[in-house]
Amino acid sequence: MHQMMIGLMAKMMPFMMPLVYAGGALLAIGVVVLIAQIASGRGGGLAKTCGWLLVILGVFFLACQAAGMVLGAAPSINFADSTKGDFDLRPFWEIGLGMLVPGLVIVAIAKMVRKE
């Protein structure tokens, strides 16, 4: 069972970088929509939706970090060009917190602006 879970984790790793890009896009969209919502004084739930999706992605990365640690691995993503021998490894917990905290801030600010 342990080896099967490690194999599944290894197969899942190539699909994590697109999730990081999706989180970055959600963060950018959420901030832009939140600024527009604050400027207009009204707004839809797009900023709040982006914030909640960021929270979900952040919790997912934190859960993946915890699962990897239970399996004895150190899950991380390389943000450098590995073909050139460069490695800039970031653990999943950093990525998870980098999505979770801004997501919660966006949701909180979007709720405050919407109540006014």
C-alpha atoms as a PDB file:
ATOM      1  CA  MET A   1       0.000   0.000   0.000  1.00  0.00           C
ATOM      2  CA  HIS A   2       2.817   2.382   0.913  1.00  0.00           C
ATOM      3  CA  GLN A   3       4.600   1.819  -2.396  1.00  0.00           C
ATOM      4  CA  MET A   4       1.350   2.239  -4.343  1.00  0.00           C
ATOM      5  CA  MET A   5       0.702   5.608  -2.687  1.00  0.00           C
ATOM      6  CA  ILE A   6       4.244   6.785  -3.484  1.00  0.00           C
ATOM      7  CA  GLY A   7       3.729   5.690  -7.099  1.00  0.00           C
ATOM      8  CA  LEU A   8       0.470   7.633  -7.287  1.00  0.00           C
ATOM      9  CA  MET A   9       2.163  10.692  -5.820  1.00  0.00           C
ATOM     10  CA  ALA A  10       4.940  10.467  -8.398  1.00  0.00           C
ATOM     11  CA  LYS A  11       2.406  10.186 -11.224  1.00  0.00           C
ATOM     12  CA  MET A  12       0.474  13.186  -9.913  1.00  0.00           C
ATOM     13  CA  MET A  13       3.484  15.523  -9.664  1.00  0.00           C
ATOM     14  CA  PRO A  14       3.519  16.699 -13.330  1.00  0.00           C
ATOM     15  CA  PHE A  15      -0.055  17.949 -12.923  1.00  0.00           C
ATOM     16  CA  MET A  16       0.743  20.172  -9.948  1.00  0.00           C
ATOM     17  CA  MET A  17       2.481  22.970 -11.854  1.00  0.00           C
ATOM     18  CA  PRO A  18      -0.665  23.809 -13.893  1.00  0.00           C
ATOM     19  CA  LEU A  19      -2.529  24.055 -10.579  1.00  0.00           C
ATOM     20  CA  VAL A  20       0.057  26.564  -9.368  1.00  0.00           C
ATOM     21  CA  TYR A  21      -0.476  28.602 -12.558  1.00  0.00           C
ATOM     22  CA  ALA A  22      -4.253  28.373 -12.074  1.00  0.00           C
ATOM     23  CA  GLY A  23      -3.822  29.645  -8.520  1.00  0.00           C
ATOM     24  CA  GLY A  24      -1.741  32.573  -9.767  1.00  0.00           C
ATOM     25  CA  ALA A  25      -4.386  33.410 -12.355  1.00  0.00           C
ATOM     26  CA  LEU A  26      -7.129  33.197  -9.727  1.00  0.00           C
ATOM     27  CA  LEU A  27      -5.135  35.493  -7.462  1.00  0.00           C
ATOM     28  CA  ALA A  28      -4.642  38.057 -10.230  1.00  0.00           C
ATOM     29  CA  ILE A  29      -8.293  37.937 -11.312  1.00  0.00           C
ATOM     30  CA  GLY A  30      -9.487  38.100  -7.712  1.00  0.00           C
ATOM     31  CA  VAL A  31      -7.376  41.168  -6.918  1.00  0.00           C
ATOM     32  CA  VAL A  32      -8.380  43.013 -10.107  1.00  0.00           C
ATOM     33  CA  VAL A  33     -12.077  42.263  -9.585  1.00  0.00           C
ATOM     34  CA  LEU A  34     -11.825  43.198  -5.905  1.00  0.00           C
ATOM     35  CA  ILE A  35     -10.265  46.560  -6.772  1.00  0.00           C
ATOM     36  CA  ALA A  36     -13.020  47.164  -9.325  1.00  0.00           C
ATOM     37  CA  GLN A  37     -15.612  46.142  -6.740  1.00  0.00           C
ATOM     38  CA  ILE A  38     -14.183  48.560  -4.177  1.00  0.00           C
ATOM     39  CA  ALA A  39     -14.001  51.381  -6.732  1.00  0.00           C
ATOM     40  CA  SER A  40     -17.600  50.924  -7.841  1.00  0.00           C
ATOM     41  CA  GLY A  41     -18.965  50.283  -4.373  1.00  0.00           C
ATOM     42  CA  ARG A  42     -20.910  47.302  -5.606  1.00  0.00           C
ATOM     43  CA  GLY A  43     -20.059  44.093  -7.266  1.00  0.00           C
ATOM     44  CA  GLY A  44     -20.885  40.523  -7.894  1.00  0.00           C
ATOM     45  CA  GLY A  45     -19.495  37.495  -6.268  1.00  0.00           C
ATOM     46  CA  LEU A  46     -16.621  36.969  -8.700  1.00  0.00           C
ATOM     47  CA  ALA A  47     -13.975  38.204  -6.263  1.00  0.00           C
ATOM     48  CA  LYS A  48     -15.433  36.075  -3.504  1.00  0.00           C
ATOM     49  CA  THR A  49     -15.568  33.057  -5.818  1.00  0.00           C
ATOM     50  CA  CYS A  50     -11.927  33.537  -6.817  1.00  0.00           C
ATOM     51  CA  GLY A  51     -11.037  33.828  -3.137  1.00  0.00           C
ATOM     52  CA  TRP A  52     -12.828  30.616  -2.216  1.00  0.00           C
ATOM     53  CA  LEU A  53     -11.207  28.758  -5.119  1.00  0.00           C
ATOM     54  CA  LEU A  54      -7.824  29.991  -3.873  1.00  0.00           C
ATOM     55  CA  VAL A  55      -8.680  28.728  -0.392  1.00  0.00           C
ATOM     56  CA  ILE A  56      -9.615  25.315  -1.826  1.00  0.00           C
ATOM     57  CA  LEU A  57      -6.373  25.124  -3.827  1.00  0.00           C
ATOM     58  CA  GLY A  58      -4.359  26.190  -0.783  1.00  0.00           C
ATOM     59  CA  VAL A  59      -5.948  23.517   1.404  1.00  0.00           C
ATOM     60  CA  PHE A  60      -5.328  20.967  -1.373  1.00  0.00           C
ATOM     61  CA  PHE A  61      -1.617  21.784  -1.481  1.00  0.00           C
ATOM     62  CA  LEU A  62      -1.381  21.672   2.311  1.00  0.00           C
ATOM     63  CA  ALA A  63      -3.124  18.280   2.331  1.00  0.00           C
ATOM     64  CA  CYS A  64      -0.730  17.015  -0.358  1.00  0.00           C
ATOM     65  CA  GLN A  65       2.198  18.180   1.784  1.00  0.00           C
ATOM     66  CA  ALA A  66       0.802  16.333   4.796  1.00  0.00           C
ATOM     67  CA  ALA A  67       0.196  13.164   2.754  1.00  0.00           C
ATOM     68  CA  GLY A  68       3.709  13.344   1.323  1.00  0.00           C
ATOM     69  CA  MET A  69       5.215  13.749   4.763  1.00  0.00           C
ATOM     70  CA  VAL A  70       3.276  10.710   6.013  1.00  0.00           C
ATOM     71  CA  LEU A  71       4.708   8.723   3.098  1.00  0.00           C
ATOM     72  CA  GLY A  72       8.213   9.930   3.920  1.00  0.00           C
ATOM     73  CA  ALA A  73       8.573  12.174   0.879  1.00  0.00           C
ATOM     74  CA  ALA A  74       9.186  15.890   0.603  1.00  0.00           C
ATOM     75  CA  PRO A  75       6.776  17.075  -2.103  1.00  0.00           C
ATOM     76  CA  SER A  76       8.008  20.179  -3.882  1.00  0.00           C
ATOM     77  CA  ILE A  77       7.793  21.946  -7.218  1.00  0.00           C
ATOM     78  CA  ASN A  78      10.789  23.096  -9.233  1.00  0.00           C
ATOM     79  CA  PHE A  79      10.352  26.674 -10.453  1.00  0.00           C
ATOM     80  CA  ALA A  80      13.690  26.738 -12.311  1.00  0.00           C
ATOM     81  CA  ASP A  81      14.799  25.174 -15.576  1.00  0.00           C
ATOM     82  CA  SER A  82      15.891  21.658 -14.680  1.00  0.00           C
ATOM     83  CA  THR A  83      17.302  21.060 -18.181  1.00  0.00           C
ATOM     84  CA  LYS A  84      20.031  23.583 -17.373  1.00  0.00           C
ATOM     85  CA  GLY A  85      20.671  22.021 -13.991  1.00  0.00           C
ATOM     86  CA  ASP A  86      18.940  24.819 -12.098  1.00  0.00           C
ATOM     87  CA  PHE A  87      16.738  23.884  -9.180  1.00  0.00           C
ATOM     88  CA  ASP A  88      14.501  26.198  -7.185  1.00  0.00           C
ATOM     89  CA  LEU A  89      12.402  23.761  -5.192  1.00  0.00           C
ATOM     90  CA  ARG A  90       9.473  25.102  -3.204  1.00  0.00           C
ATOM     91  CA  PRO A  91       7.616  22.782  -0.828  1.00  0.00           C
ATOM     92  CA  PHE A  92       3.875  22.388  -1.171  1.00  0.00           C
ATOM     93  CA  TRP A  93       3.181  24.020   2.184  1.00  0.00           C
ATOM     94  CA  GLU A  94       4.658  27.312   0.940  1.00  0.00           C
ATOM     95  CA  ILE A  95       2.519  27.182  -2.178  1.00  0.00           C
ATOM     96  CA  GLY A  96      -0.536  26.201  -0.134  1.00  0.00           C
ATOM     97  CA  LEU A  97      -0.116  29.061   2.313  1.00  0.00           C
ATOM     98  CA  GLY A  98       0.615  31.400  -0.611  1.00  0.00           C
ATOM     99  CA  MET A  99      -2.855  30.622  -1.933  1.00  0.00           C
ATOM    100  CA  LEU A 100      -4.756  30.128   1.323  1.00  0.00           C
ATOM    101  CA  VAL A 101      -3.911  33.430   3.021  1.00  0.00           C
ATOM    102  CA  PRO A 102      -4.591  35.748   0.038  1.00  0.00           C
ATOM    103  CA  GLY A 103      -7.752  33.761  -0.700  1.00  0.00           C
ATOM    104  CA  LEU A 104      -9.058  34.357   2.819  1.00  0.00           C
ATOM    105  CA  VAL A 105      -8.148  38.055   2.595  1.00  0.00           C
ATOM    106  CA  ILE A 106      -9.964  38.427  -0.741  1.00  0.00           C
ATOM    107  CA  VAL A 107     -13.064  36.685   0.648  1.00  0.00           C
ATOM    108  CA  ALA A 108     -13.062  38.858   3.793  1.00  0.00           C
ATOM    109  CA  ILE A 109     -12.656  42.138   1.889  1.00  0.00           C
ATOM    110  CA  ALA A 110     -15.239  41.113  -0.736  1.00  0.00           C
ATOM    111  CA  LYS A 111     -17.755  40.386   2.047  1.00  0.00           C
ATOM    112  CA  MET A 112     -17.090  43.746   3.718  1.00  0.00           C
ATOM    113  CA  VAL A 113     -17.462  45.723   0.491  1.00  0.00           C
ATOM    114  CA  ARG A 114     -20.623  43.889  -0.481  1.00  0.00           C
ATOM    115  CA  LYS A 115     -22.358  44.601   2.856  1.00  0.00           C
ATOM    116  CA  GLU A 116     -21.995  48.380   2.521  1.00  0.00           C
END
